[in-house]
N, C-alpha and C. Protein backbone atom coordinates (compact mmCIF):
# COMPACT_ATOMS: atom_id res chain seq x y z
N MET A 1 -126.24 33.30 180.12
CA MET A 1 -126.71 34.26 180.53
C MET A 1 -125.59 34.62 181.50
N GLY A 2 -126.02 33.97 182.88
CA GLY A 2 -124.54 34.05 183.61
C GLY A 2 -124.64 35.65 184.38
N ILE A 3 -123.33 36.48 184.06
CA ILE A 3 -123.38 37.41 184.90
C ILE A 3 -124.07 38.21 184.17
N GLN A 4 -125.19 38.38 183.16
CA GLN A 4 -126.01 38.97 182.44
C GLN A 4 -127.11 39.16 183.33
N LEU A 5 -127.96 38.49 184.06
CA LEU A 5 -128.60 37.89 184.96
C LEU A 5 -128.51 39.14 186.06
N LEU A 6 -127.58 39.75 186.13
CA LEU A 6 -127.57 40.87 187.37
C LEU A 6 -127.26 42.36 186.61
N PRO A 7 -128.00 43.16 187.55
CA PRO A 7 -128.38 44.54 186.80
C PRO A 7 -127.06 45.13 186.49
N GLN A 8 -127.40 45.80 185.71
CA GLN A 8 -126.58 46.73 184.35
C GLN A 8 -125.77 47.63 185.53
N SER A 9 -126.48 47.89 186.47
CA SER A 9 -125.88 49.21 187.73
C SER A 9 -124.74 48.67 187.90
N ILE A 10 -124.50 46.99 188.85
CA ILE A 10 -123.68 46.45 189.28
C ILE A 10 -122.61 46.00 188.52
N GLN A 11 -123.02 45.61 187.10
CA GLN A 11 -121.97 45.07 186.21
C GLN A 11 -121.05 46.05 186.15
N ASP A 12 -121.65 47.43 186.10
CA ASP A 12 -120.75 49.04 185.90
C ASP A 12 -120.08 49.23 186.85
N LYS A 13 -120.21 48.64 188.31
CA LYS A 13 -119.55 48.79 189.38
C LYS A 13 -118.31 48.28 189.76
N TYR A 14 -118.61 46.89 189.70
CA TYR A 14 -117.71 45.26 190.20
C TYR A 14 -117.53 45.10 188.99
N GLU A 15 -116.37 44.24 189.35
CA GLU A 15 -115.25 43.49 188.41
C GLU A 15 -115.98 42.14 188.74
N ILE A 16 -117.03 41.41 187.69
CA ILE A 16 -117.19 40.31 188.71
C ILE A 16 -117.23 38.58 187.91
N HIS A 17 -116.98 37.90 187.76
CA HIS A 17 -116.16 36.42 187.84
C HIS A 17 -117.31 35.70 188.33
N GLU A 18 -117.54 34.48 187.24
CA GLU A 18 -118.58 33.52 187.36
C GLU A 18 -118.26 32.30 187.69
N TRP A 19 -118.60 31.15 187.83
CA TRP A 19 -117.91 29.62 187.72
C TRP A 19 -119.48 28.88 187.75
N LYS A 20 -119.55 27.85 187.04
CA LYS A 20 -120.18 26.58 187.14
C LYS A 20 -121.90 27.03 187.29
N HIS A 21 -122.16 28.34 186.66
CA HIS A 21 -123.55 28.97 186.82
C HIS A 21 -124.07 29.27 188.20
N ALA A 22 -123.16 29.94 188.51
CA ALA A 22 -123.53 30.28 190.19
C ALA A 22 -124.91 31.19 189.83
N CYS A 23 -124.65 32.33 189.27
CA CYS A 23 -125.84 33.38 189.01
C CYS A 23 -126.96 32.74 188.42
N ALA A 24 -127.04 31.86 187.67
CA ALA A 24 -128.51 30.79 187.52
C ALA A 24 -129.09 30.44 188.44
N ILE A 25 -127.91 29.78 189.59
CA ILE A 25 -128.35 28.86 190.82
C ILE A 25 -129.22 29.47 191.60
N LEU A 26 -128.13 30.80 191.81
CA LEU A 26 -129.14 31.59 192.92
C LEU A 26 -130.36 32.68 192.49
N SER A 27 -130.04 33.16 191.02
CA SER A 27 -131.22 33.85 190.73
C SER A 27 -132.65 32.74 190.60
N GLY A 28 -132.55 31.51 190.57
CA GLY A 28 -133.57 30.74 190.50
C GLY A 28 -133.79 29.99 191.21
N ASP A 29 -133.01 29.62 192.25
CA ASP A 29 -133.83 28.45 192.93
C ASP A 29 -133.09 29.29 194.50
N PHE A 30 -132.51 30.50 194.24
CA PHE A 30 -132.30 31.35 195.72
C PHE A 30 -132.87 32.45 196.04
N PRO A 31 -133.66 33.06 195.39
CA PRO A 31 -134.69 34.20 195.05
C PRO A 31 -134.08 35.14 196.20
N THR A 32 -134.36 34.67 197.18
CA THR A 32 -134.49 35.72 198.29
C THR A 32 -132.98 36.31 198.71
N GLU A 33 -131.83 35.08 198.75
CA GLU A 33 -130.40 35.35 198.83
C GLU A 33 -129.92 36.34 197.93
N TRP A 34 -130.62 36.14 196.62
CA TRP A 34 -130.10 36.36 195.38
C TRP A 34 -130.02 38.17 195.58
N GLN A 35 -131.55 38.67 195.83
CA GLN A 35 -132.20 39.90 196.11
C GLN A 35 -131.67 40.56 197.19
N ASP A 36 -130.73 39.60 198.10
CA ASP A 36 -129.59 40.21 199.30
C ASP A 36 -129.01 40.80 198.96
N ILE A 37 -128.31 39.88 197.80
CA ILE A 37 -126.86 40.20 197.53
C ILE A 37 -126.85 41.48 196.69
N ILE A 38 -128.11 41.54 195.47
CA ILE A 38 -127.87 42.59 195.12
C ILE A 38 -128.24 43.60 195.64
N ASP A 39 -129.32 43.48 196.75
CA ASP A 39 -129.29 45.15 197.33
C ASP A 39 -128.05 45.70 198.10
N LEU A 40 -127.34 44.42 198.45
CA LEU A 40 -126.33 45.02 199.56
C LEU A 40 -125.03 45.56 198.20
N LEU A 41 -125.18 45.01 197.31
CA LEU A 41 -124.16 45.41 196.07
C LEU A 41 -124.26 46.69 195.15
N GLU A 42 -125.83 47.43 195.69
CA GLU A 42 -126.06 48.12 194.80
C GLU A 42 -125.92 49.44 196.12
N GLN A 43 -126.27 49.18 197.43
CA GLN A 43 -125.80 50.39 198.10
C GLN A 43 -124.81 50.37 198.73
N PHE A 44 -123.74 49.27 198.68
CA PHE A 44 -122.20 49.70 199.04
C PHE A 44 -121.44 51.18 198.12
N CYS A 45 -120.28 51.13 199.41
CA CYS A 45 -120.01 52.64 199.17
C CYS A 45 -118.64 52.33 199.88
N LEU A 46 -117.82 52.35 199.22
CA LEU A 46 -116.38 52.47 199.59
C LEU A 46 -115.65 53.76 200.20
N CYS A 47 -115.86 53.83 201.12
CA CYS A 47 -115.88 55.48 202.40
C CYS A 47 -114.43 55.63 202.37
N LYS A 48 -113.51 56.75 201.66
CA LYS A 48 -112.55 57.21 202.32
C LYS A 48 -112.05 57.02 203.67
N SER A 49 -113.18 57.63 204.45
CA SER A 49 -112.78 57.49 205.85
C SER A 49 -112.51 56.57 206.39
N TRP A 50 -112.56 54.97 205.34
CA TRP A 50 -112.95 53.86 206.21
C TRP A 50 -111.27 53.18 206.04
N LEU A 51 -110.45 53.84 204.89
CA LEU A 51 -109.40 53.69 204.15
C LEU A 51 -108.23 54.17 205.11
N THR A 52 -108.46 55.39 205.52
CA THR A 52 -107.66 56.18 206.74
C THR A 52 -107.13 55.74 207.72
N VAL A 53 -108.30 55.02 208.44
CA VAL A 53 -107.80 54.62 209.53
C VAL A 53 -107.06 53.14 209.74
N GLY A 54 -106.43 53.19 210.79
CA GLY A 54 -105.95 51.72 210.68
C GLY A 54 -106.52 50.49 211.26
N GLY A 55 -105.96 49.67 211.38
CA GLY A 55 -106.46 47.83 211.30
C GLY A 55 -107.68 47.93 212.11
N GLY A 56 -106.89 46.85 213.13
CA GLY A 56 -108.04 46.34 213.78
C GLY A 56 -108.78 45.12 213.82
N ARG A 57 -109.99 44.27 214.68
CA ARG A 57 -110.51 43.17 214.00
C ARG A 57 -110.72 42.93 212.70
N LYS A 58 -111.22 43.88 212.77
CA LYS A 58 -112.13 43.81 211.22
C LYS A 58 -112.83 44.75 210.85
N SER A 59 -112.56 45.10 209.25
CA SER A 59 -112.22 46.54 208.35
C SER A 59 -113.30 47.00 208.96
N ARG A 60 -113.26 48.15 208.28
CA ARG A 60 -114.98 48.70 208.42
C ARG A 60 -115.52 48.50 206.65
N VAL A 61 -114.63 47.64 205.77
CA VAL A 61 -115.26 47.30 204.86
C VAL A 61 -116.35 45.99 205.21
N SER A 62 -115.31 45.13 205.85
CA SER A 62 -116.40 43.91 206.15
C SER A 62 -117.06 44.00 206.78
N GLU A 63 -117.31 44.94 208.14
CA GLU A 63 -118.36 45.20 209.19
C GLU A 63 -119.36 46.18 208.53
N SER A 64 -119.10 46.51 207.15
CA SER A 64 -120.79 47.16 206.50
C SER A 64 -121.03 46.53 205.85
N ILE A 65 -120.58 45.16 205.19
CA ILE A 65 -120.97 44.03 204.62
C ILE A 65 -121.76 43.49 205.25
N ASP A 66 -121.18 42.34 206.38
CA ASP A 66 -121.93 41.77 207.11
C ASP A 66 -123.08 42.46 207.98
N ASN A 67 -123.23 43.81 208.38
CA ASN A 67 -124.00 43.68 209.01
C ASN A 67 -125.28 44.19 208.17
N PHE A 68 -124.91 44.80 206.99
CA PHE A 68 -126.19 44.92 205.92
C PHE A 68 -126.77 43.40 205.91
N LEU A 69 -125.93 42.18 205.66
CA LEU A 69 -126.43 40.59 205.40
C LEU A 69 -127.24 40.45 207.01
N TYR A 70 -126.74 40.84 207.89
CA TYR A 70 -126.97 39.92 209.26
C TYR A 70 -128.58 40.74 209.27
N SER A 71 -128.68 41.78 208.75
CA SER A 71 -130.02 42.57 209.12
C SER A 71 -131.22 42.08 207.85
N ARG A 72 -130.76 41.13 207.39
CA ARG A 72 -131.21 40.32 206.44
C ARG A 72 -131.78 39.08 207.20
N GLY A 73 -131.40 38.49 208.00
CA GLY A 73 -131.17 37.33 208.50
C GLY A 73 -130.10 36.40 207.82
N TRP A 74 -128.74 37.34 207.91
CA TRP A 74 -127.57 36.19 206.99
C TRP A 74 -127.10 35.76 208.66
N ILE A 75 -126.08 34.79 208.68
CA ILE A 75 -125.84 34.71 210.05
C ILE A 75 -124.52 34.19 210.09
N GLU A 76 -123.03 34.14 210.58
CA GLU A 76 -121.91 33.41 210.88
C GLU A 76 -122.11 32.40 211.07
N LYS A 77 -121.67 32.07 210.34
CA LYS A 77 -121.78 30.02 210.63
C LYS A 77 -120.96 28.90 210.19
N GLU A 78 -120.91 28.16 211.29
CA GLU A 78 -119.71 27.55 211.55
C GLU A 78 -120.22 26.30 211.23
N PHE A 79 -119.67 25.22 210.65
CA PHE A 79 -120.30 23.60 210.48
C PHE A 79 -119.81 22.53 211.32
N ALA A 80 -120.59 21.76 211.90
CA ALA A 80 -120.33 20.71 212.92
C ALA A 80 -119.97 19.61 211.89
N THR A 81 -118.56 18.97 211.04
CA THR A 81 -118.43 17.77 210.09
C THR A 81 -117.58 16.79 210.70
N SER A 82 -118.08 15.69 210.31
CA SER A 82 -117.26 14.46 210.52
C SER A 82 -117.33 13.91 209.41
N VAL A 83 -116.35 12.62 209.59
CA VAL A 83 -116.39 11.43 208.36
C VAL A 83 -116.51 10.60 209.35
N LYS A 84 -117.21 9.30 208.71
CA LYS A 84 -117.31 7.92 209.45
C LYS A 84 -117.19 6.98 208.99
N VAL A 85 -116.12 6.06 209.24
CA VAL A 85 -115.31 4.96 208.73
C VAL A 85 -115.77 3.86 209.55
N ASP A 86 -116.78 2.84 208.89
CA ASP A 86 -117.05 1.94 210.39
C ASP A 86 -117.77 2.40 211.56
N GLU A 87 -117.52 2.31 212.43
CA GLU A 87 -117.49 2.58 213.56
C GLU A 87 -117.13 3.90 214.00
N ARG A 88 -115.84 4.25 213.66
CA ARG A 88 -114.87 4.94 213.87
C ARG A 88 -115.57 6.16 213.38
N ILE A 89 -115.60 7.30 214.28
CA ILE A 89 -116.08 8.66 213.56
C ILE A 89 -115.11 9.97 213.81
N MET A 90 -114.77 10.83 212.95
CA MET A 90 -113.43 11.76 212.93
C MET A 90 -113.84 12.77 212.49
N ASP A 91 -113.84 14.01 213.11
CA ASP A 91 -114.01 15.41 213.28
C ASP A 91 -113.38 15.67 212.15
N SER A 92 -113.89 16.70 211.01
CA SER A 92 -113.19 17.31 210.02
C SER A 92 -113.89 18.76 209.94
N PRO A 93 -113.13 19.33 210.82
CA PRO A 93 -113.89 21.10 210.90
C PRO A 93 -113.59 21.38 209.74
N THR A 94 -114.77 22.73 209.65
CA THR A 94 -114.56 23.59 208.36
C THR A 94 -113.93 25.02 209.18
N HIS A 95 -113.75 25.97 208.72
CA HIS A 95 -113.43 27.36 209.35
C HIS A 95 -115.29 27.88 209.32
N LYS A 96 -115.17 28.64 210.09
CA LYS A 96 -116.59 29.65 210.35
C LYS A 96 -116.71 30.60 208.52
N VAL A 97 -117.95 30.72 208.12
CA VAL A 97 -118.20 31.13 207.09
C VAL A 97 -118.77 32.74 207.23
N ASP A 98 -118.49 33.83 206.91
CA ASP A 98 -118.27 35.07 207.48
C ASP A 98 -120.18 35.42 207.24
N CYS A 99 -120.84 35.32 206.00
CA CYS A 99 -121.93 35.09 206.25
C CYS A 99 -122.83 33.80 205.56
N TYR A 100 -123.78 33.20 206.03
CA TYR A 100 -124.66 32.10 205.70
C TYR A 100 -125.98 32.30 205.66
N LYS A 101 -126.96 31.95 204.54
CA LYS A 101 -127.85 31.91 204.64
C LYS A 101 -128.73 30.59 203.65
N ASN A 102 -129.62 29.80 203.90
CA ASN A 102 -130.16 29.06 203.22
C ASN A 102 -129.28 28.36 202.35
N ARG A 103 -127.82 27.91 202.66
CA ARG A 103 -127.28 27.28 201.66
C ARG A 103 -126.28 27.94 200.84
N ILE A 104 -126.67 29.29 201.05
CA ILE A 104 -125.46 29.99 200.35
C ILE A 104 -124.39 30.58 201.62
N ALA A 105 -123.02 30.83 200.84
CA ALA A 105 -121.50 30.55 201.59
C ALA A 105 -121.10 32.20 201.17
N LEU A 106 -121.05 33.30 201.80
CA LEU A 106 -120.87 34.71 201.40
C LEU A 106 -119.00 34.93 202.14
N GLU A 107 -117.99 34.83 201.41
CA GLU A 107 -117.18 35.47 202.65
C GLU A 107 -116.36 36.94 201.82
N ILE A 108 -116.15 37.71 202.51
CA ILE A 108 -115.86 39.03 202.74
C ILE A 108 -114.02 38.53 202.77
N GLU A 109 -113.22 39.08 201.77
CA GLU A 109 -111.69 39.08 202.17
C GLU A 109 -111.49 41.19 201.43
N TRP A 110 -111.05 41.50 201.97
CA TRP A 110 -110.96 43.00 202.02
C TRP A 110 -109.52 42.80 201.89
N ASN A 111 -108.51 42.44 203.31
CA ASN A 111 -107.13 42.92 203.61
C ASN A 111 -106.83 41.60 204.78
N ASN A 112 -106.82 40.69 204.33
CA ASN A 112 -106.61 39.54 204.79
C ASN A 112 -104.90 38.80 204.20
N LYS A 113 -104.09 38.23 204.75
CA LYS A 113 -103.10 37.93 203.79
C LYS A 113 -103.52 36.50 202.90
N ASP A 114 -102.83 36.67 201.75
CA ASP A 114 -103.90 35.78 200.60
C ASP A 114 -104.06 34.25 201.02
N PRO A 115 -103.07 33.96 201.21
CA PRO A 115 -104.02 32.40 202.19
C PRO A 115 -104.85 31.99 202.07
N PHE A 116 -106.09 33.17 203.02
CA PHE A 116 -107.23 32.85 203.38
C PHE A 116 -108.00 32.89 201.93
N PHE A 117 -108.03 32.87 200.71
CA PHE A 117 -108.52 32.58 199.72
C PHE A 117 -108.56 31.04 199.93
N ASP A 118 -107.14 30.48 200.00
CA ASP A 118 -107.02 28.99 200.08
C ASP A 118 -107.89 28.33 201.04
N ARG A 119 -108.04 29.28 202.26
CA ARG A 119 -109.24 28.49 202.98
C ARG A 119 -110.67 28.59 202.73
N ASP A 120 -110.68 29.29 202.16
CA ASP A 120 -112.43 30.27 201.46
C ASP A 120 -112.11 28.83 201.11
N LEU A 121 -111.96 28.89 199.53
CA LEU A 121 -112.10 27.84 198.39
C LEU A 121 -112.32 26.43 198.91
N ASN A 122 -111.38 26.06 199.88
CA ASN A 122 -111.43 24.78 200.00
C ASN A 122 -112.27 24.30 201.11
N ASN A 123 -112.86 25.60 202.19
CA ASN A 123 -114.23 25.60 202.96
C ASN A 123 -115.24 25.11 201.63
N PHE A 124 -115.25 26.13 200.59
CA PHE A 124 -116.71 25.82 199.61
C PHE A 124 -116.71 24.65 198.97
N ARG A 125 -115.41 23.54 199.01
CA ARG A 125 -115.53 22.80 197.90
C ARG A 125 -115.72 22.04 198.85
N LEU A 126 -115.56 21.42 199.95
CA LEU A 126 -115.70 20.80 201.18
C LEU A 126 -117.58 20.68 201.38
N LEU A 127 -118.04 21.90 201.79
CA LEU A 127 -118.93 22.09 202.46
C LEU A 127 -120.26 22.24 201.17
N PHE A 128 -119.34 22.03 199.83
CA PHE A 128 -120.70 21.74 198.99
C PHE A 128 -120.80 20.26 198.30
N ASP A 129 -119.57 19.55 198.45
CA ASP A 129 -119.33 17.84 198.67
C ASP A 129 -120.55 17.31 199.51
N LEU A 130 -120.24 18.12 200.82
CA LEU A 130 -121.27 17.37 202.03
C LEU A 130 -122.57 18.03 201.70
N ARG A 131 -123.00 18.53 200.81
CA ARG A 131 -124.49 19.20 200.48
C ARG A 131 -124.93 20.44 201.37
N ALA A 132 -123.87 20.86 202.15
CA ALA A 132 -124.20 21.88 203.01
C ALA A 132 -124.60 23.23 202.13
N ILE A 133 -123.53 23.48 201.13
CA ILE A 133 -123.84 24.83 200.76
C ILE A 133 -124.18 24.44 198.90
N SER A 134 -124.91 25.66 198.38
CA SER A 134 -125.17 25.11 197.10
C SER A 134 -124.33 25.99 195.79
N VAL A 135 -123.68 27.37 196.68
CA VAL A 135 -122.82 28.38 195.72
C VAL A 135 -121.95 29.43 197.00
N GLY A 136 -120.93 29.50 196.87
CA GLY A 136 -120.10 30.00 197.01
C GLY A 136 -119.74 31.38 196.57
N VAL A 137 -119.81 32.56 197.72
CA VAL A 137 -119.65 33.83 197.10
C VAL A 137 -118.64 34.44 197.95
N ILE A 138 -117.61 35.22 197.19
CA ILE A 138 -116.64 35.99 197.56
C ILE A 138 -116.61 37.52 197.06
N ILE A 139 -116.32 38.51 198.19
CA ILE A 139 -116.29 39.93 197.91
C ILE A 139 -115.17 40.00 198.17
N THR A 140 -114.30 41.18 197.55
CA THR A 140 -112.63 41.57 197.45
C THR A 140 -112.28 42.56 196.72
N ARG A 141 -111.28 42.81 196.85
CA ARG A 141 -111.04 44.31 196.29
C ARG A 141 -110.45 43.66 194.86
N CYS A 142 -110.68 45.07 194.28
CA CYS A 142 -109.39 44.94 192.86
C CYS A 142 -108.02 45.34 193.01
N ASP A 143 -107.39 45.07 191.90
CA ASP A 143 -105.84 45.39 191.97
C ASP A 143 -105.55 46.68 191.83
N HIS A 144 -106.10 47.63 191.31
CA HIS A 144 -106.18 48.75 190.95
C HIS A 144 -106.74 50.04 192.10
N LEU A 145 -107.12 49.52 193.16
CA LEU A 145 -107.27 50.33 194.20
C LEU A 145 -106.04 50.38 194.98
N GLN A 146 -104.86 50.03 194.34
CA GLN A 146 -103.71 50.21 195.34
C GLN A 146 -103.32 51.61 194.93
N ASP A 147 -104.06 52.15 193.89
CA ASP A 147 -103.97 53.55 193.44
C ASP A 147 -103.82 54.44 194.81
N ILE A 148 -105.47 54.22 194.80
CA ILE A 148 -106.39 55.36 195.91
C ILE A 148 -105.33 55.11 197.28
N PHE A 149 -105.44 54.21 197.66
CA PHE A 149 -104.01 53.46 199.09
C PHE A 149 -103.10 54.33 199.07
N ASN A 150 -102.11 54.28 198.11
CA ASN A 150 -101.13 54.83 197.95
C ASN A 150 -101.32 56.78 197.96
N SER A 151 -102.24 57.37 197.38
CA SER A 151 -102.63 58.58 196.97
C SER A 151 -102.71 58.64 198.79
N LEU A 152 -103.40 58.17 199.83
CA LEU A 152 -104.19 58.45 201.01
C LEU A 152 -102.64 58.06 201.90
N GLY A 153 -101.48 57.36 201.30
CA GLY A 153 -100.43 57.26 202.34
C GLY A 153 -100.88 56.00 203.09
N ARG A 154 -101.62 54.69 202.61
CA ARG A 154 -102.09 53.90 203.12
C ARG A 154 -101.51 52.69 202.54
N GLY A 155 -100.45 52.86 201.16
CA GLY A 155 -100.24 51.94 200.63
C GLY A 155 -99.29 50.58 200.97
N ALA A 156 -98.80 51.00 202.21
CA ALA A 156 -98.15 49.68 202.72
C ALA A 156 -98.85 49.00 203.65
N SER A 157 -100.33 49.11 204.00
CA SER A 157 -101.20 48.56 204.41
C SER A 157 -101.61 47.37 203.98
N TYR A 158 -101.83 48.11 202.44
CA TYR A 158 -102.72 46.90 201.50
C TYR A 158 -101.20 46.10 200.25
N GLY A 159 -100.84 45.39 200.82
CA GLY A 159 -99.50 45.06 200.44
C GLY A 159 -99.56 43.75 199.09
N SER A 160 -98.65 43.21 198.67
CA SER A 160 -99.11 42.11 197.42
C SER A 160 -99.29 40.84 198.18
N SER A 161 -98.97 40.76 199.35
CA SER A 161 -99.54 39.32 199.44
C SER A 161 -100.51 39.51 200.47
N THR A 162 -101.34 40.19 200.03
CA THR A 162 -103.05 40.52 200.63
C THR A 162 -103.97 39.90 199.82
N THR A 163 -105.25 40.09 200.29
CA THR A 163 -106.36 39.31 199.47
C THR A 163 -106.44 40.41 198.39
N HIS A 164 -106.47 40.34 197.00
CA HIS A 164 -106.84 41.08 196.20
C HIS A 164 -107.41 40.42 194.92
N MET A 165 -107.69 40.60 193.71
CA MET A 165 -108.53 39.83 192.98
C MET A 165 -107.49 39.11 192.08
N SER A 166 -106.34 39.47 191.74
CA SER A 166 -105.63 38.79 190.81
C SER A 166 -104.85 37.71 191.91
N LYS A 167 -104.92 37.57 193.07
CA LYS A 167 -104.40 36.15 193.74
C LYS A 167 -105.60 35.42 193.99
N LEU A 168 -106.62 35.87 194.15
CA LEU A 168 -108.15 35.05 193.69
C LEU A 168 -107.85 34.43 192.59
N LEU A 169 -108.34 35.00 191.88
CA LEU A 169 -108.39 34.38 190.24
C LEU A 169 -107.58 33.14 189.59
N PRO A 170 -106.66 32.96 189.44
CA PRO A 170 -105.55 31.80 189.67
C PRO A 170 -105.86 30.42 190.18
N ARG A 171 -106.01 30.71 192.03
CA ARG A 171 -106.95 29.60 192.69
C ARG A 171 -107.71 29.04 191.93
N ILE A 172 -108.90 30.17 191.82
CA ILE A 172 -110.10 29.49 191.11
C ILE A 172 -109.98 28.47 189.71
N GLU A 173 -109.32 29.31 189.32
CA GLU A 173 -109.10 28.46 187.50
C GLU A 173 -108.20 27.34 187.84
N GLY A 174 -107.71 27.40 188.78
CA GLY A 174 -106.82 26.28 189.32
C GLY A 174 -107.52 24.90 189.95
N GLY A 175 -108.29 25.09 190.47
CA GLY A 175 -109.46 24.46 190.71
C GLY A 175 -109.44 24.33 192.16
N SER A 176 -109.47 25.05 193.26
CA SER A 176 -109.15 24.90 194.23
C SER A 176 -110.85 24.92 194.84
N GLY A 177 -111.37 25.61 194.13
CA GLY A 177 -113.01 25.43 194.83
C GLY A 177 -113.84 24.10 194.44
N GLY A 178 -113.05 23.29 193.68
CA GLY A 178 -113.71 22.00 193.19
C GLY A 178 -114.98 22.21 192.58
N GLY A 179 -115.62 21.46 193.01
CA GLY A 179 -117.61 21.57 191.84
C GLY A 179 -118.14 22.57 192.33
N CYS A 180 -117.68 23.38 193.51
CA CYS A 180 -118.68 24.49 194.19
C CYS A 180 -119.00 25.58 192.73
N PRO A 181 -120.50 26.14 192.79
CA PRO A 181 -120.47 27.18 192.03
C PRO A 181 -119.80 28.31 193.18
N ILE A 182 -119.08 29.41 191.87
CA ILE A 182 -118.74 30.10 192.88
C ILE A 182 -118.46 31.55 191.97
N LEU A 183 -119.17 32.50 192.72
CA LEU A 183 -119.33 34.19 192.29
C LEU A 183 -118.23 34.62 192.87
N VAL A 184 -117.78 35.96 192.03
CA VAL A 184 -116.63 36.62 192.79
C VAL A 184 -117.09 38.39 192.32
N PHE A 185 -116.82 39.34 193.22
CA PHE A 185 -117.55 40.27 192.99
C PHE A 185 -115.80 41.15 193.39
N GLY A 186 -115.60 41.90 192.57
CA GLY A 186 -114.26 43.10 193.19
C GLY A 186 -114.72 44.32 193.53
N ILE A 187 -114.37 45.37 194.25
CA ILE A 187 -114.87 46.03 194.36
C ILE A 187 -113.72 47.18 193.81
N THR A 188 -114.51 48.07 193.06
CA THR A 188 -113.86 48.82 191.78
C THR A 188 -113.46 50.54 192.68
N GLN A 189 -112.46 51.15 191.93
CA GLN A 189 -113.01 52.53 191.92
C GLN A 189 -114.04 53.15 192.01
N ARG A 190 -114.55 52.72 191.09
CA ARG A 190 -116.07 53.25 190.84
C ARG A 190 -117.05 53.53 192.07
N LEU A 191 -116.85 52.34 193.21
CA LEU A 191 -117.32 52.58 194.56
C LEU A 191 -116.97 53.41 195.63
N TYR A 192 -115.69 54.30 195.27
CA TYR A 192 -115.05 55.03 195.93
C TYR A 192 -115.49 55.97 195.79
N SER A 193 -115.81 56.89 197.44
CA SER A 193 -116.36 58.22 197.79
C SER A 193 -115.77 58.87 198.31
N GLU A 194 -114.82 60.07 198.14
CA GLU A 194 -114.45 61.19 199.67
C GLU A 194 -115.41 61.73 200.53
N GLY A 195 -116.42 61.20 200.05
CA GLY A 195 -117.47 62.28 200.94
C GLY A 195 -118.24 61.87 202.13
N CYS A 196 -117.63 60.57 202.47
CA CYS A 196 -118.38 59.77 203.74
C CYS A 196 -116.62 59.37 204.00
């Protein structure tokens, strides 16, 4: 079943990739978090006004996704992890997860440098191996959005070395996420609106 578990409206609007039965795990074992993700994706719109303004600490895209999920009880989460060998305890820090709820970790990679994908996938692998998460989800942008950025005169701000789908897929297919089930959503041109 896999991706077919998602509503057709989401399948039509996003580029979707799944590994290790992530959809079945989410829909079967985490129905509340699954519904949160579906509701987020159903209401999301890529506003032209978000693309025409410059940088800042966090993009309007990431802020929109964060705020929606935070309103549903998701949180930014840092895990305190360590390794114990005999009596010696060594800290093994992970980076913060953008949005976390009930063993589901979700990262938004809209326009970071592409090594952030390595960080996210390594984090998913480690947290899954430690039984802290059951599924990792990444929302990023599709390559073809570059046409929109170029038409708005913002193409240089979204370069080839930043986070987008063709930078992510080879990393996952190469095993960077380890055994962690992963679900990826790519924001497509079909979500773009000039009216907001």
